[in-house]
Amino acid sequence: MTSWRVSDGAGSRIDEIYRYSLDTWGEDQAKAYIEGLFARFAAIAARRFPWRAIPAEFGVDGYVCRYEKHLIYWKVLEDGAVGIVTVLHERMHQIERFSDDFGG
């Protein structure tokens, strides 16, 4: 199994997701959603989940896949690990938020 790491930007997004879920649906649901998200990261790293290349208009080399209402953007790091770059809600303006997190 390949390892995975969460960038600082993605970590902030995950914190936001947790706080929103906690405030909206309670602690049990917030915890379950974040655990599911982390399980998806592990599945990506193990290449057990399908993904697609990030669209060319984003201007970066990486991949994207879905977890429930969120899109996970990631890239392969120099050491072969999966780097989770950002996690964005499907209703967010993807290119605008994405470039901030990818450093573009």
Protein backbone atom coordinates (compact mmCIF):
# COMPACT_ATOMS: atom_id res chain seq x y z
CA MET A 1 0.00 0.00 0.00
CA THR A 2 1.31 3.43 -0.94
CA SER A 3 1.27 6.09 1.73
CA TRP A 4 -0.63 9.36 1.59
CA ARG A 5 -0.18 12.79 3.11
CA VAL A 6 -2.53 15.72 3.54
CA SER A 7 -1.22 19.18 2.60
CA ASP A 8 -1.74 22.11 4.96
CA GLY A 9 -4.38 23.54 2.61
CA ALA A 10 -6.28 20.25 2.47
CA GLY A 11 -6.01 19.96 6.25
CA SER A 12 -7.71 23.33 6.60
CA ARG A 13 -10.47 22.26 4.21
CA ILE A 14 -10.99 19.03 6.19
CA ASP A 15 -11.24 21.05 9.41
CA GLU A 16 -13.91 23.23 7.74
CA ILE A 17 -15.83 20.13 6.62
CA TYR A 18 -15.72 18.71 10.14
CA ARG A 19 -16.91 21.95 11.78
CA TYR A 20 -19.73 22.37 9.26
CA SER A 21 -20.82 18.75 9.69
CA LEU A 22 -20.63 19.03 13.48
CA ASP A 23 -22.73 22.21 13.52
CA THR A 24 -25.24 20.87 10.98
CA TRP A 25 -25.59 17.16 11.75
CA GLY A 26 -23.86 16.51 15.07
CA GLU A 27 -20.74 14.80 16.32
CA ASP A 28 -21.50 11.24 15.20
CA GLN A 29 -22.18 12.26 11.60
CA ALA A 30 -19.19 14.63 11.49
CA LYS A 31 -16.87 11.90 12.75
CA ALA A 32 -18.31 9.31 10.33
CA TYR A 33 -17.91 11.65 7.35
CA ILE A 34 -14.27 12.47 8.16
CA GLU A 35 -13.47 8.79 8.77
CA GLY A 36 -15.02 7.97 5.40
CA LEU A 37 -13.00 10.72 3.75
CA PHE A 38 -9.77 9.35 5.23
CA ALA A 39 -10.73 5.83 4.14
CA ARG A 40 -11.10 7.21 0.60
CA PHE A 41 -7.58 8.73 0.84
CA ALA A 42 -6.24 5.27 1.76
CA ALA A 43 -8.16 3.67 -1.12
CA ILE A 44 -6.69 6.23 -3.55
CA ALA A 45 -3.17 5.54 -2.26
CA ALA A 46 -3.72 1.79 -2.62
CA ARG A 47 -5.11 2.36 -6.14
CA ARG A 48 -8.38 0.69 -5.12
CA PHE A 49 -10.58 3.56 -6.24
CA PRO A 50 -11.01 5.02 -9.74
CA TRP A 51 -9.91 8.59 -10.45
CA ARG A 52 -9.45 10.83 -13.46
CA ALA A 53 -6.91 13.44 -14.49
CA ILE A 54 -7.66 17.00 -13.41
CA PRO A 55 -9.13 18.89 -16.41
CA ALA A 56 -6.53 20.78 -18.48
CA GLU A 57 -8.14 24.17 -17.78
CA PHE A 58 -6.99 23.87 -14.16
CA GLY A 59 -3.40 24.07 -15.38
CA VAL A 60 -1.89 21.49 -12.99
CA ASP A 61 -0.83 17.88 -13.10
CA GLY A 62 -2.94 15.80 -10.74
CA TYR A 63 -6.05 13.71 -10.26
CA VAL A 64 -9.55 14.01 -8.89
CA CYS A 65 -12.17 11.67 -7.49
CA ARG A 66 -15.40 12.06 -5.56
CA TYR A 67 -16.33 11.28 -1.99
CA GLU A 68 -20.04 11.84 -1.44
CA LYS A 69 -20.51 15.63 -1.84
CA HIS A 70 -16.80 16.49 -2.07
CA LEU A 71 -14.13 16.31 -4.74
CA ILE A 72 -10.67 15.16 -3.66
CA TYR A 73 -7.76 16.61 -5.63
CA TRP A 74 -4.42 14.87 -5.32
CA LYS A 75 -1.07 14.32 -6.99
CA VAL A 76 1.76 11.83 -6.86
CA LEU A 77 4.65 13.19 -4.80
CA GLU A 78 8.33 12.69 -5.63
CA ASP A 79 8.60 9.76 -3.22
CA GLY A 80 5.58 8.04 -4.83
CA ALA A 81 3.17 8.88 -2.00
CA VAL A 82 -0.22 10.39 -2.72
CA GLY A 83 -0.42 14.05 -1.73
CA ILE A 84 -3.96 15.18 -0.95
CA VAL A 85 -3.90 18.78 -2.16
CA THR A 86 -7.44 19.89 -1.44
CA VAL A 87 -10.98 18.69 -0.77
CA LEU A 88 -13.74 20.89 -2.16
CA HIS A 89 -17.52 20.70 -1.93
CA GLU A 90 -19.16 20.00 -5.28
CA ARG A 91 -20.99 23.36 -5.15
CA MET A 92 -17.82 25.43 -4.70
CA HIS A 93 -16.29 27.22 -7.68
CA GLN A 94 -13.62 24.59 -8.28
CA ILE A 95 -11.02 26.46 -10.37
CA GLU A 96 -10.94 29.52 -8.11
CA ARG A 97 -10.55 27.57 -4.82
CA PHE A 98 -8.40 24.93 -6.41
CA SER A 99 -5.72 27.35 -7.63
CA ASP A 100 -5.33 28.74 -4.10
CA ASP A 101 -4.76 25.26 -2.68
CA PHE A 102 -2.52 24.03 -5.52
CA GLY A 103 -0.39 27.16 -5.20
CA GLY A 104 -1.37 28.53 -8.59
